[in-house]
Amino acid sequence: MLAKLSTRSAARRCACVGAVTLALLGAGLPAAVAGDGPPGLSRFYRQKVTWTACETGAPKDMQCGKVTVPLDYARPGAGTLDLALSRYRATGPSRGSVVLNFGGPGGAGVPVLAADDGKEFMDLTNGYDVVTFDPRGVGRSSPVSCGIGIDADSSDAGDDSIDANPDLGNATAARKALEEWKKVAAECAQHSSAVLPHIGTVDAARDLDVIRQALGDRKLNYLGFSYGTRLGAVYAAEFPHKVGRMALDGVDTLTEPLSEQGRVAAEGQQTALEDFLDWCVQDIACPFGQDRRAAGDQVPQLIGSLDENPVPNGYGGRLSGQDLVGAIGQALYSKAMWPSLERAIASLVQDGNTRGVEAFATGGMALPASERQARQARRDAPERAGAAKPPGSGGGLVGTAEVPPDNAPAAMMAINCADDPDRPGAAQLTKDLGRLSADYEAASPVFGRYRLTELLMCYGRPKGSDFIREKVKNVDSARMLLVGTRGDPATPYRWAVETARRLGKSAVVLDNRSEGHTGYASSRCVHRKVNDFLLYGSLPPSGSSCAPDTRPDISG
């Protein structure tokens, strides 16, 4: 199934079901004294954030802090977790904070915005402290893990016998894959802290309300991308009268099962790939040549060749065709990345250099260590952390160096499964895979099989919550701005329309007639309209649109 039972590859496949950029900061003012929160939660709602300098290497004008939340909201006395926050302070008079979530799920907010100095969001400091956080189970906030790149001494760590590209339409291969995913679930439980059973979006939305209070805001002002739109919608359902100005960009579905999400994602990515190839063959440097039809044939041929014979990647592992599929899928999120994708594939094809492709496959983050390096890191970790226990098992923040290399994919699977109430048995899954295999292949000969594997990721895990499907509808909140992008390969425009209809009269839709995943960072029109709403409360009429930019990236 997945090379080395790799949740790296599994999570890359999950990446497009939710958002895939990450984020940074955390901000705050003295906690509001009015209202102690729900019964049993008073001590959490009486907090205020103490802001200090961030770790070495962070932007000098960024501040960091933390908020403490219950491990289990049903039993507030059963343990706590600390959530990492960071912020850029308002440049003038502040009306409070705007909280950002950049998606995933499994994306740590603090490091990503720090890496870019928050430049895309500096306009918002004209009226707000700009804040973000590492959600529970993510980044420094009690990170979960499945042991990949950490416990390299495990008997399963070097298992190369797992099929990296199974034919899930075949019942025997499907049953074998299910057993492998069951092992993945057990490994995740073994290597994660007590937060794993309490990691879904419903709990994360409750954390968001504690953060709101600790920042001193009577209502939550919020900007969420992709998965962050799911989090925002759940917050609005749980705390409708605490919603301030909320903008949701790249709107996630609230109702479609994983089987339909995967098919839609494969279809969207195939369309984006076709657009990339149309562009690529116009360039003499295109690794697929200048014949468009031949280029379309060469992509699956290259993937098949790498699945048959993976190549060394220079990091102690091997690059398979499915790893390449994951990398291409990430790169297609934005037209601005097309030149880099072209160069990365050319370098792979011509020189066997995998570094450019691997950078996309990991979302631009550091690659997992080789097995030798990972084994040494495992030996050193207890000495650095002061205790030999899973990261985050004590509830406090972990150091950046102690965040497991596989935290993002492990958290992505955990959160998506916690939000999914469907748990068909092996017989039903095998039957469904046989039926869906042709549908996925028709949706995309490149991404179909890759996406189909996502249907197995929750096998062996506890059943998730039905709150999102059953309760997130007809929300009686302040009006919210939903941005849908016509050419979005991960969250199709129709999801924005469907989610707005489900949320009810509070939702206003902005139609971004452009390409790429989300619009705020790539469309000047979307950027301006979202800022006008967050800063001044000016909402565009529902159904209004933004034309494509002639310049592809507002930050360029």
Protein backbone atom coordinates (compact mmCIF):
# COMPACT_ATOMS: atom_id res chain seq x y z
CA MET A 1 0.00 0.00 0.00
CA LEU A 2 2.08 2.89 1.27
CA ALA A 3 5.83 2.64 0.99
CA LYS A 4 7.30 1.78 4.40
CA LEU A 5 3.76 1.89 5.81
CA SER A 6 4.30 5.56 5.29
CA THR A 7 1.82 8.01 6.72
CA ARG A 8 3.95 10.56 4.85
CA SER A 9 2.38 9.44 1.60
CA ALA A 10 -0.99 8.83 3.24
CA ALA A 11 -1.19 12.30 4.60
CA ARG A 12 -0.12 13.89 1.35
CA ARG A 13 -3.13 12.16 -0.12
CA CYS A 14 -5.28 13.66 2.63
CA ALA A 15 -3.77 17.07 2.13
CA CYS A 16 -6.12 18.20 -0.59
CA VAL A 17 -9.25 17.21 1.27
CA GLY A 18 -8.43 20.09 3.50
CA ALA A 19 -6.29 23.14 3.13
CA VAL A 20 -2.60 22.91 2.66
CA THR A 21 -0.91 26.16 3.50
CA LEU A 22 -0.11 26.68 7.17
CA ALA A 23 0.22 29.67 9.48
CA LEU A 24 1.79 31.53 12.31
CA LEU A 25 1.01 33.97 15.12
CA GLY A 26 -1.03 34.50 18.25
CA ALA A 27 -2.21 37.72 19.82
CA GLY A 28 -4.08 39.04 22.73
CA LEU A 29 -5.25 41.65 25.19
CA PRO A 30 -6.23 41.21 28.84
CA ALA A 31 -8.96 38.62 29.19
CA ALA A 32 -12.45 40.02 29.46
CA VAL A 33 -13.80 39.79 32.98
CA ALA A 34 -17.41 39.64 31.87
CA GLY A 35 -18.61 36.03 31.73
CA ASP A 36 -16.76 33.07 33.16
CA GLY A 37 -17.70 30.71 30.36
CA PRO A 38 -19.73 27.52 30.48
CA PRO A 39 -20.11 25.63 33.78
CA GLY A 40 -16.90 23.94 34.89
CA LEU A 41 -14.75 25.99 32.52
CA SER A 42 -14.41 29.20 34.52
CA ARG A 43 -10.69 28.85 35.16
CA PHE A 44 -10.02 28.49 31.44
CA TYR A 45 -12.16 31.49 30.53
CA ARG A 46 -10.42 33.70 33.12
CA GLN A 47 -7.02 33.44 31.44
CA LYS A 48 -5.12 36.18 29.74
CA VAL A 49 -2.20 35.65 27.41
CA THR A 50 1.28 36.59 28.58
CA TRP A 51 3.25 37.61 25.52
CA THR A 52 7.01 37.11 25.30
CA ALA A 53 9.73 36.94 22.67
CA CYS A 54 9.52 33.90 20.41
CA GLU A 55 12.19 31.28 19.87
CA THR A 56 15.45 32.22 18.21
CA GLY A 57 15.03 32.81 14.49
CA ALA A 58 11.47 34.15 14.64
CA PRO A 59 10.73 37.64 13.30
CA LYS A 60 11.69 40.26 15.89
CA ASP A 61 8.28 41.90 15.84
CA MET A 62 6.46 38.64 16.50
CA GLN A 63 5.40 37.69 20.02
CA CYS A 64 4.52 34.27 21.38
CA GLY A 65 2.32 32.97 24.16
CA LYS A 66 0.05 30.12 25.15
CA VAL A 67 -3.47 29.32 26.28
CA THR A 68 -4.47 26.36 28.46
CA VAL A 69 -7.56 24.34 27.51
CA PRO A 70 -9.20 21.17 28.89
CA LEU A 71 -8.05 17.88 27.42
CA ASP A 72 -11.68 16.69 27.57
CA TYR A 73 -14.43 19.32 27.63
CA ALA A 74 -16.83 16.74 29.07
CA ARG A 75 -14.45 16.31 32.03
CA PRO A 76 -12.64 19.64 32.51
CA GLY A 77 -10.76 18.36 35.55
CA ALA A 78 -9.28 15.36 33.74
CA GLY A 79 -6.23 17.13 32.35
CA THR A 80 -5.17 20.14 30.31
CA LEU A 81 -3.32 21.08 27.14
CA ASP A 82 -1.34 24.18 26.26
CA LEU A 83 -1.84 25.71 22.82
CA ALA A 84 0.96 27.68 21.19
CA LEU A 85 0.01 31.20 20.06
CA SER A 86 1.83 33.99 18.28
CA ARG A 87 0.93 37.46 17.10
CA TYR A 88 1.90 40.60 15.27
CA ARG A 89 0.62 43.62 17.15
CA ALA A 90 -1.57 46.24 15.53
CA THR A 91 0.42 49.13 14.07
CA GLY A 92 -2.10 51.69 15.34
CA PRO A 93 -5.18 51.72 17.55
CA SER A 94 -6.40 48.11 17.86
CA ARG A 95 -10.01 46.98 17.94
CA GLY A 96 -8.87 43.56 19.19
CA SER A 97 -7.61 40.52 17.37
CA VAL A 98 -8.24 38.65 14.14
CA VAL A 99 -7.42 34.95 14.44
CA LEU A 100 -6.07 33.08 11.40
CA ASN A 101 -6.15 29.37 10.59
CA PHE A 102 -4.34 28.32 7.42
CA GLY A 103 -5.79 24.89 7.03
CA GLY A 104 -4.53 21.36 6.85
CA PRO A 105 -5.96 19.90 8.92
CA GLY A 106 -2.70 19.36 10.75
CA GLY A 107 -1.08 22.67 9.83
CA ALA A 108 0.83 24.38 12.62
CA GLY A 109 0.06 28.09 12.44
CA VAL A 110 3.01 29.57 14.30
CA PRO A 111 6.01 28.49 12.18
CA VAL A 112 4.59 29.10 8.73
CA LEU A 113 3.57 32.70 9.12
CA ALA A 114 6.86 33.33 10.89
CA ALA A 115 8.75 32.01 7.87
CA ASP A 116 7.19 34.65 5.64
CA ASP A 117 7.19 37.49 8.19
CA GLY A 118 3.41 37.55 7.84
CA LYS A 119 3.68 39.91 4.90
CA GLU A 120 0.43 38.84 3.23
CA PHE A 121 -1.47 39.77 6.38
CA MET A 122 0.20 42.99 7.40
CA ASP A 123 -2.71 45.02 6.01
CA LEU A 124 -4.81 43.60 8.83
CA THR A 125 -2.51 45.12 11.45
CA ASN A 126 -4.04 48.47 10.51
CA GLY A 127 -6.85 47.55 12.88
CA TYR A 128 -6.04 44.27 14.57
CA ASP A 129 -3.47 42.24 16.36
CA VAL A 130 -2.98 39.36 13.87
CA VAL A 131 -3.02 36.06 15.74
CA THR A 132 -2.65 32.39 14.95
CA PHE A 133 -2.10 29.16 16.87
CA ASP A 134 -1.05 25.52 16.72
CA PRO A 135 -4.31 23.58 17.20
CA ARG A 136 -4.44 20.70 19.67
CA GLY A 137 -2.37 17.77 18.47
CA VAL A 138 -0.46 19.96 16.03
CA GLY A 139 2.97 21.61 16.10
CA ARG A 140 4.02 22.48 19.63
CA SER A 141 0.52 21.83 21.06
CA SER A 142 0.79 18.18 22.24
CA PRO A 143 1.72 16.90 18.76
CA VAL A 144 0.46 13.50 17.65
CA SER A 145 2.61 11.08 15.69
CA CYS A 146 2.44 7.72 13.95
CA GLY A 147 6.12 6.97 14.55
CA ILE A 148 7.33 7.60 11.02
CA GLY A 149 10.83 9.07 11.19
CA ILE A 150 10.80 8.83 14.99
CA ASP A 151 10.79 5.27 16.22
CA ALA A 152 13.09 3.88 13.59
CA ASP A 153 13.95 0.95 15.89
CA SER A 154 10.37 -0.31 15.55
CA SER A 155 10.07 -3.69 13.86
CA ASP A 156 7.84 -2.08 11.24
CA ALA A 157 10.08 0.92 10.58
CA GLY A 158 11.93 -0.54 7.63
CA ASP A 159 9.17 -2.68 6.13
CA ASP A 160 9.52 -2.35 2.38
CA SER A 161 7.02 -5.10 1.61
CA ILE A 162 4.00 -2.80 1.50
CA ASP A 163 2.59 -2.07 -1.92
CA ALA A 164 2.98 1.63 -2.70
CA ASN A 165 0.37 1.56 -5.43
CA PRO A 166 -2.25 -1.14 -4.80
CA ASP A 167 -5.08 -1.85 -7.20
CA LEU A 168 -7.89 -1.25 -4.73
CA GLY A 169 -10.44 -2.43 -7.26
CA ASN A 170 -9.03 -5.91 -6.58
CA ALA A 171 -10.66 -7.46 -3.49
CA THR A 172 -7.52 -9.28 -2.35
CA ALA A 173 -5.37 -6.13 -2.63
CA ALA A 174 -8.07 -4.09 -0.88
CA ARG A 175 -8.23 -6.49 2.09
CA LYS A 176 -4.44 -6.43 2.42
CA ALA A 177 -4.48 -2.63 2.31
CA LEU A 178 -7.11 -2.54 5.07
CA GLU A 179 -4.90 -4.62 7.33
CA GLU A 180 -2.02 -2.27 6.65
CA TRP A 181 -4.14 0.77 7.54
CA LYS A 182 -5.23 -0.98 10.72
CA LYS A 183 -1.54 -1.24 11.63
CA VAL A 184 -1.14 2.47 10.87
CA ALA A 185 -3.99 3.28 13.30
CA ALA A 186 -2.33 1.19 16.02
CA GLU A 187 1.03 2.88 15.43
CA CYS A 188 -0.60 6.30 15.65
CA ALA A 189 -2.23 5.43 18.95
CA GLN A 190 1.05 4.05 20.30
CA HIS A 191 3.14 7.10 19.39
CA SER A 192 0.65 9.83 20.30
CA SER A 193 -0.20 11.40 23.62
CA ALA A 194 -3.56 11.38 25.39
CA VAL A 195 -4.77 14.13 23.05
CA LEU A 196 -5.48 11.67 20.21
CA PRO A 197 -9.07 10.80 21.32
CA HIS A 198 -9.82 14.54 21.69
CA ILE A 199 -8.38 15.99 18.49
CA GLY A 200 -11.38 16.72 16.22
CA THR A 201 -12.72 20.03 14.95
CA VAL A 202 -15.52 20.18 17.52
CA ASP A 203 -12.94 20.33 20.31
CA ALA A 204 -10.75 22.70 18.28
CA ALA A 205 -13.69 25.11 17.92
CA ARG A 206 -14.18 25.09 21.69
CA ASP A 207 -10.46 25.85 22.04
CA LEU A 208 -10.98 28.76 19.66
CA ASP A 209 -13.56 30.24 22.01
CA VAL A 210 -11.17 29.97 24.96
CA ILE A 211 -8.55 31.73 22.82
CA ARG A 212 -11.07 34.46 21.96
CA GLN A 213 -11.73 35.14 25.63
CA ALA A 214 -8.04 35.02 26.56
CA LEU A 215 -7.36 37.62 23.87
CA GLY A 216 -9.91 39.91 25.47
CA ASP A 217 -12.35 39.88 22.55
CA ARG A 218 -16.09 39.79 23.13
CA LYS A 219 -16.55 38.29 19.66
CA LEU A 220 -14.29 36.27 17.39
CA ASN A 221 -12.91 37.97 14.28
CA TYR A 222 -11.56 35.19 12.09
CA LEU A 223 -9.97 34.40 8.73
CA GLY A 224 -9.85 30.70 7.82
CA PHE A 225 -8.53 28.94 4.74
CA SER A 226 -9.66 25.54 3.40
CA TYR A 227 -9.84 23.27 6.48
CA GLY A 228 -9.89 26.53 8.44
CA THR A 229 -13.31 27.19 6.89
CA ARG A 230 -14.58 23.94 8.43
CA LEU A 231 -13.25 25.08 11.78
CA GLY A 232 -14.89 28.48 11.36
CA ALA A 233 -18.26 26.97 10.40
CA VAL A 234 -18.20 24.63 13.40
CA TYR A 235 -17.34 27.57 15.68
CA ALA A 236 -20.28 29.53 14.27
CA ALA A 237 -22.60 26.61 14.99
CA GLU A 238 -21.29 26.13 18.53
CA PHE A 239 -21.04 29.83 19.43
CA PRO A 240 -23.31 31.74 17.01
CA HIS A 241 -23.57 34.83 19.20
CA LYS A 242 -19.79 35.08 19.60
CA VAL A 243 -19.15 35.44 15.85
CA GLY A 244 -17.75 38.83 14.92
CA ARG A 245 -16.38 39.30 11.39
CA MET A 246 -15.65 35.89 9.90
CA ALA A 247 -14.20 35.27 6.42
CA LEU A 248 -13.87 31.73 5.02
CA ASP A 249 -11.71 31.25 1.91
CA GLY A 250 -11.57 27.96 -0.02
CA VAL A 251 -14.73 26.58 1.54
CA ASP A 252 -14.70 22.97 2.70
CA THR A 253 -17.70 20.67 2.44
CA LEU A 254 -19.78 20.01 5.56
CA THR A 255 -21.81 17.09 4.26
CA GLU A 256 -20.06 15.03 1.58
CA PRO A 257 -18.58 11.68 2.68
CA LEU A 258 -14.90 10.96 2.16
CA SER A 259 -15.71 8.88 -0.92
CA GLU A 260 -17.21 11.87 -2.73
CA GLN A 261 -14.60 14.30 -1.41
CA GLY A 262 -11.84 12.14 -2.85
CA ARG A 263 -13.49 11.83 -6.25
CA VAL A 264 -14.10 15.59 -6.45
CA ALA A 265 -10.50 16.29 -5.41
CA ALA A 266 -9.15 13.91 -8.08
CA GLU A 267 -11.29 15.60 -10.72
CA GLY A 268 -10.18 19.07 -9.65
CA GLN A 269 -6.52 18.12 -9.61
CA GLN A 270 -6.76 16.52 -13.05
CA THR A 271 -8.21 19.76 -14.44
CA ALA A 272 -5.39 21.73 -12.82
CA LEU A 273 -2.81 19.29 -14.26
CA GLU A 274 -4.26 19.73 -17.75
CA ASP A 275 -3.93 23.50 -17.36
CA PHE A 276 -0.33 23.10 -16.18
CA LEU A 277 0.54 20.94 -19.19
CA ASP A 278 -1.09 23.46 -21.57
CA TRP A 279 1.29 26.04 -20.11
CA CYS A 280 4.34 23.78 -19.85
CA VAL A 281 4.49 22.67 -23.49
CA GLN A 282 4.77 26.31 -24.58
CA ASP A 283 8.20 26.39 -22.90
CA ILE A 284 11.23 24.81 -24.56
CA ALA A 285 12.38 23.67 -21.10
CA CYS A 286 9.23 21.61 -20.44
CA PRO A 287 10.39 18.10 -19.42
CA PHE A 288 7.44 16.60 -21.34
CA GLY A 289 8.36 18.27 -24.63
CA GLN A 290 6.21 20.54 -26.78
CA ASP A 291 3.64 18.01 -28.04
CA ARG A 292 0.59 18.47 -25.79
CA ARG A 293 -0.94 15.07 -26.43
CA ALA A 294 2.36 13.29 -25.84
CA ALA A 295 2.88 15.27 -22.65
CA GLY A 296 -0.45 14.05 -21.31
CA ASP A 297 0.65 10.46 -21.92
CA GLN A 298 4.11 10.93 -20.40
CA VAL A 299 2.88 11.95 -16.94
CA PRO A 300 1.20 8.61 -16.03
CA GLN A 301 4.08 6.77 -17.72
CA LEU A 302 6.60 8.52 -15.47
CA ILE A 303 4.49 7.79 -12.39
CA GLY A 304 4.15 4.12 -13.31
CA SER A 305 7.87 3.81 -13.91
CA LEU A 306 8.66 5.27 -10.47
CA ASP A 307 6.14 3.02 -8.78
CA GLU A 308 7.87 0.02 -10.37
CA ASN A 309 11.37 1.32 -9.59
CA PRO A 310 11.47 4.08 -6.91
CA VAL A 311 14.62 6.17 -6.96
CA PRO A 312 16.83 7.13 -3.99
CA ASN A 313 15.85 10.54 -2.68
CA GLY A 314 19.05 11.51 -0.89
CA TYR A 315 17.35 11.47 2.53
CA GLY A 316 17.66 7.78 3.28
CA GLY A 317 14.45 6.81 1.50
CA ARG A 318 13.10 6.37 -2.01
CA LEU A 319 10.80 8.43 -4.22
CA SER A 320 7.90 6.45 -5.69
CA GLY A 321 5.44 7.39 -8.37
CA GLN A 322 2.81 8.05 -5.73
CA ASP A 323 5.21 10.42 -3.97
CA LEU A 324 5.50 12.25 -7.29
CA VAL A 325 1.71 12.38 -7.57
CA GLY A 326 1.54 13.95 -4.11
CA ALA A 327 4.18 16.51 -5.05
CA ILE A 328 2.39 17.46 -8.27
CA GLY A 329 -0.87 17.79 -6.36
CA GLN A 330 0.72 20.23 -3.91
CA ALA A 331 2.34 22.28 -6.67
CA LEU A 332 -0.94 22.66 -8.55
CA TYR A 333 -2.43 24.67 -5.71
CA SER A 334 -1.09 27.86 -7.26
CA LYS A 335 -0.06 29.00 -10.73
CA ALA A 336 2.82 30.79 -9.07
CA MET A 337 4.39 27.37 -8.36
CA TRP A 338 4.18 26.08 -11.94
CA PRO A 339 7.70 27.23 -12.98
CA SER A 340 9.16 25.56 -9.89
CA LEU A 341 7.23 22.36 -10.62
CA GLU A 342 8.50 22.38 -14.20
CA ARG A 343 12.09 22.72 -12.98
CA ALA A 344 11.65 20.05 -10.29
CA ILE A 345 10.29 17.46 -12.72
CA ALA A 346 12.97 18.31 -15.29
CA SER A 347 15.66 17.84 -12.65
CA LEU A 348 14.14 14.49 -11.67
CA VAL A 349 13.82 13.22 -15.25
CA GLN A 350 17.13 14.48 -16.57
CA ASP A 351 19.44 14.14 -13.55
CA GLY A 352 17.63 11.89 -11.06
CA ASN A 353 17.62 14.77 -8.59
CA THR A 354 14.60 14.38 -6.29
CA ARG A 355 15.09 17.42 -4.06
CA GLY A 356 12.74 19.75 -5.92
CA VAL A 357 9.97 17.16 -6.05
CA GLU A 358 10.48 16.24 -2.38
CA ALA A 359 10.15 19.91 -1.40
CA PHE A 360 6.65 19.95 -2.91
CA ALA A 361 5.77 16.55 -1.50
CA THR A 362 6.42 17.77 2.04
CA GLY A 363 4.64 21.06 1.56
CA GLY A 364 7.95 22.92 1.65
CA MET A 365 8.71 21.77 5.20
CA ALA A 366 11.84 19.96 6.30
CA LEU A 367 11.97 16.37 5.10
CA PRO A 368 11.84 13.54 7.62
CA ALA A 369 15.25 12.38 8.72
CA SER A 370 16.84 9.25 7.37
CA GLU A 371 16.40 6.15 9.52
CA ARG A 372 19.86 6.56 11.02
CA GLN A 373 19.25 10.22 11.85
CA ALA A 374 15.79 9.48 13.17
CA ARG A 375 17.12 6.73 15.44
CA GLN A 376 19.67 9.11 16.93
CA ALA A 377 17.02 11.83 17.33
CA ARG A 378 14.87 9.31 19.22
CA ARG A 379 17.77 8.51 21.56
CA ASP A 380 18.51 12.18 22.15
CA ALA A 381 14.91 13.35 22.59
CA PRO A 382 14.41 12.26 26.24
CA GLU A 383 17.56 14.10 27.29
CA ARG A 384 16.45 17.28 25.52
CA ALA A 385 12.85 17.08 26.66
CA GLY A 386 13.67 15.98 30.21
CA ALA A 387 11.52 12.84 30.13
CA ALA A 388 11.20 9.71 28.02
CA LYS A 389 7.56 10.00 26.97
CA PRO A 390 5.58 10.70 23.80
CA PRO A 391 5.65 14.35 22.70
CA GLY A 392 2.96 16.37 24.41
CA SER A 393 1.98 13.61 26.86
CA GLY A 394 2.25 16.02 29.77
CA GLY A 395 0.00 18.64 28.18
CA GLY A 396 2.60 21.40 28.04
CA LEU A 397 4.12 22.92 24.91
CA VAL A 398 6.95 20.97 23.34
CA GLY A 399 10.02 22.58 21.84
CA THR A 400 10.15 23.07 18.11
CA ALA A 401 12.92 20.46 17.87
CA GLU A 402 10.65 17.92 19.58
CA VAL A 403 7.78 18.15 17.07
CA PRO A 404 7.67 14.72 15.36
CA PRO A 405 8.65 14.79 11.68
CA ASP A 406 5.35 13.14 10.75
CA ASN A 407 3.14 15.37 12.91
CA ALA A 408 1.40 17.12 10.01
CA PRO A 409 0.26 13.92 8.26
CA ALA A 410 -0.54 12.18 11.54
CA ALA A 411 -2.68 15.10 12.70
CA MET A 412 -4.36 15.40 9.33
CA MET A 413 -5.54 11.81 9.45
CA ALA A 414 -6.58 12.06 13.10
CA ILE A 415 -8.65 15.21 12.60
CA ASN A 416 -10.32 14.08 9.38
CA CYS A 417 -11.22 10.75 10.99
CA ALA A 418 -12.50 12.42 14.16
CA ASP A 419 -14.81 14.54 11.98
CA ASP A 420 -16.07 11.55 9.96
CA PRO A 421 -18.93 9.47 11.46
CA ASP A 422 -18.78 6.73 8.80
CA ARG A 423 -17.02 3.52 9.81
CA PRO A 424 -17.95 0.80 7.32
CA GLY A 425 -16.53 -2.65 7.98
CA ALA A 426 -13.99 -4.48 5.87
CA ALA A 427 -16.62 -6.17 3.70
CA GLN A 428 -18.42 -2.92 2.92
CA LEU A 429 -15.18 -1.05 2.24
CA THR A 430 -13.94 -3.77 -0.09
CA LYS A 431 -17.24 -3.65 -1.96
CA ASP A 432 -17.17 0.15 -2.14
CA LEU A 433 -13.59 0.20 -3.41
CA GLY A 434 -14.46 -2.20 -6.21
CA ARG A 435 -17.36 0.04 -7.24
CA LEU A 436 -15.47 3.32 -6.89
CA SER A 437 -12.20 2.28 -8.53
CA ALA A 438 -13.45 2.93 -12.06
CA ASP A 439 -15.12 6.19 -11.01
CA TYR A 440 -11.89 7.53 -9.53
CA GLU A 441 -9.85 6.41 -12.51
CA ALA A 442 -12.31 8.18 -14.80
CA ALA A 443 -12.09 11.33 -12.68
CA SER A 444 -8.30 11.28 -13.03
CA PRO A 445 -5.91 8.71 -14.49
CA VAL A 446 -3.14 10.45 -12.53
CA PHE A 447 -4.73 11.22 -9.15
CA GLY A 448 -7.59 8.68 -9.06
CA ARG A 449 -5.78 5.71 -7.51
CA TYR A 450 -3.85 8.02 -5.21
CA ARG A 451 -7.10 9.56 -3.95
CA LEU A 452 -8.91 6.26 -3.59
CA THR A 453 -6.47 5.20 -0.89
CA GLU A 454 -7.80 8.01 1.33
CA LEU A 455 -11.00 6.06 1.85
CA LEU A 456 -9.02 3.62 4.00
CA MET A 457 -7.32 6.09 6.31
CA CYS A 458 -9.91 5.85 9.11
CA TYR A 459 -10.08 2.06 9.17
CA GLY A 460 -9.17 0.77 12.62
CA ARG A 461 -9.94 4.10 14.31
CA PRO A 462 -12.89 4.95 16.58
CA LYS A 463 -16.01 6.34 14.94
CA GLY A 464 -15.95 10.10 14.54
CA SER A 465 -18.46 12.77 15.51
CA ASP A 466 -21.65 13.41 13.54
CA PHE A 467 -21.83 17.00 14.86
CA ILE A 468 -20.71 18.64 11.62
CA ARG A 469 -23.22 16.83 9.40
CA GLU A 470 -26.09 17.06 11.87
CA LYS A 471 -25.65 20.41 13.65
CA VAL A 472 -23.73 22.82 11.44
CA LYS A 473 -26.65 24.37 9.58
CA ASN A 474 -29.02 27.35 9.73
CA VAL A 475 -26.53 29.26 11.87
CA ASP A 476 -28.01 32.30 13.63
CA SER A 477 -24.83 34.39 13.66
CA ALA A 478 -23.51 37.64 12.29
CA ARG A 479 -23.04 37.58 8.52
CA MET A 480 -20.01 35.70 7.19
CA LEU A 481 -18.07 36.08 3.93
CA LEU A 482 -17.43 32.85 2.00
CA VAL A 483 -14.94 32.91 -0.90
CA GLY A 484 -15.12 30.21 -3.57
CA THR A 485 -12.58 29.99 -6.42
CA ARG A 486 -13.75 28.59 -9.76
CA GLY A 487 -10.48 26.79 -10.57
CA ASP A 488 -9.71 25.55 -7.06
CA PRO A 489 -8.27 21.99 -7.30
CA ALA A 490 -8.94 21.17 -3.64
CA THR A 491 -12.16 22.90 -2.57
CA PRO A 492 -14.43 23.32 -5.61
CA TYR A 493 -16.56 26.41 -6.01
CA ARG A 494 -19.76 24.44 -5.60
CA TRP A 495 -18.77 23.62 -2.02
CA ALA A 496 -18.84 27.35 -1.23
CA VAL A 497 -22.36 27.59 -2.65
CA GLU A 498 -23.56 24.42 -0.89
CA THR A 499 -22.02 25.41 2.44
CA ALA A 500 -23.50 28.91 2.21
CA ARG A 501 -26.92 27.39 1.56
CA ARG A 502 -26.47 25.10 4.55
CA LEU A 503 -25.30 27.86 6.89
CA GLY A 504 -28.34 29.91 5.95
CA LYS A 505 -28.99 33.62 5.69
CA SER A 506 -25.80 34.58 7.53
CA ALA A 507 -23.59 33.45 4.60
CA VAL A 508 -22.53 35.73 1.73
CA VAL A 509 -20.65 34.19 -1.25
CA LEU A 510 -17.89 35.92 -3.23
CA ASP A 511 -17.22 34.25 -6.60
CA ASN A 512 -13.49 34.31 -7.41
CA ARG A 513 -13.26 33.59 -11.15
CA SER A 514 -9.66 32.49 -11.04
CA GLU A 515 -7.43 29.45 -10.49
CA GLY A 516 -5.64 27.96 -7.53
CA HIS A 517 -6.46 26.95 -3.98
CA THR A 518 -8.06 29.88 -2.09
CA GLY A 519 -8.05 33.48 -3.28
CA TYR A 520 -6.74 35.81 -0.58
CA ALA A 521 -3.06 35.41 -1.44
CA SER A 522 -3.47 35.22 -5.22
CA SER A 523 -6.24 37.70 -6.09
CA ARG A 524 -5.94 41.42 -5.39
CA CYS A 525 -9.72 41.72 -5.67
CA VAL A 526 -10.36 38.96 -3.10
CA HIS A 527 -7.64 40.34 -0.85
CA ARG A 528 -9.23 43.79 -0.90
CA LYS A 529 -12.80 42.59 -0.35
CA VAL A 530 -11.82 40.32 2.55
CA ASN A 531 -9.83 43.15 4.15
CA ASP A 532 -12.70 45.60 3.65
CA PHE A 533 -14.99 43.22 5.47
CA LEU A 534 -12.61 42.36 8.33
CA LEU A 535 -11.38 45.92 8.86
CA TYR A 536 -14.48 47.97 8.08
CA GLY A 537 -17.42 45.55 8.05
CA SER A 538 -18.10 46.22 4.35
CA LEU A 539 -19.65 43.09 2.79
CA PRO A 540 -19.98 42.66 -0.98
CA PRO A 541 -23.43 41.64 -2.24
CA SER A 542 -23.88 37.88 -2.21
CA GLY A 543 -23.05 36.47 -5.64
CA SER A 544 -20.65 39.27 -6.58
CA SER A 545 -17.44 38.22 -8.28
CA CYS A 546 -13.75 38.94 -8.73
CA ALA A 547 -12.19 38.74 -12.20
CA PRO A 548 -8.82 36.96 -12.62
CA ASP A 549 -5.74 39.04 -11.91
CA THR A 550 -3.31 39.79 -14.69
CA ARG A 551 -0.57 39.47 -12.07
CA PRO A 552 -0.75 35.97 -10.57
CA ASP A 553 0.50 36.63 -7.05
CA ILE A 554 -0.16 39.75 -4.99
CA SER A 555 2.99 39.18 -3.00
CA GLY A 556 5.25 38.90 -6.06
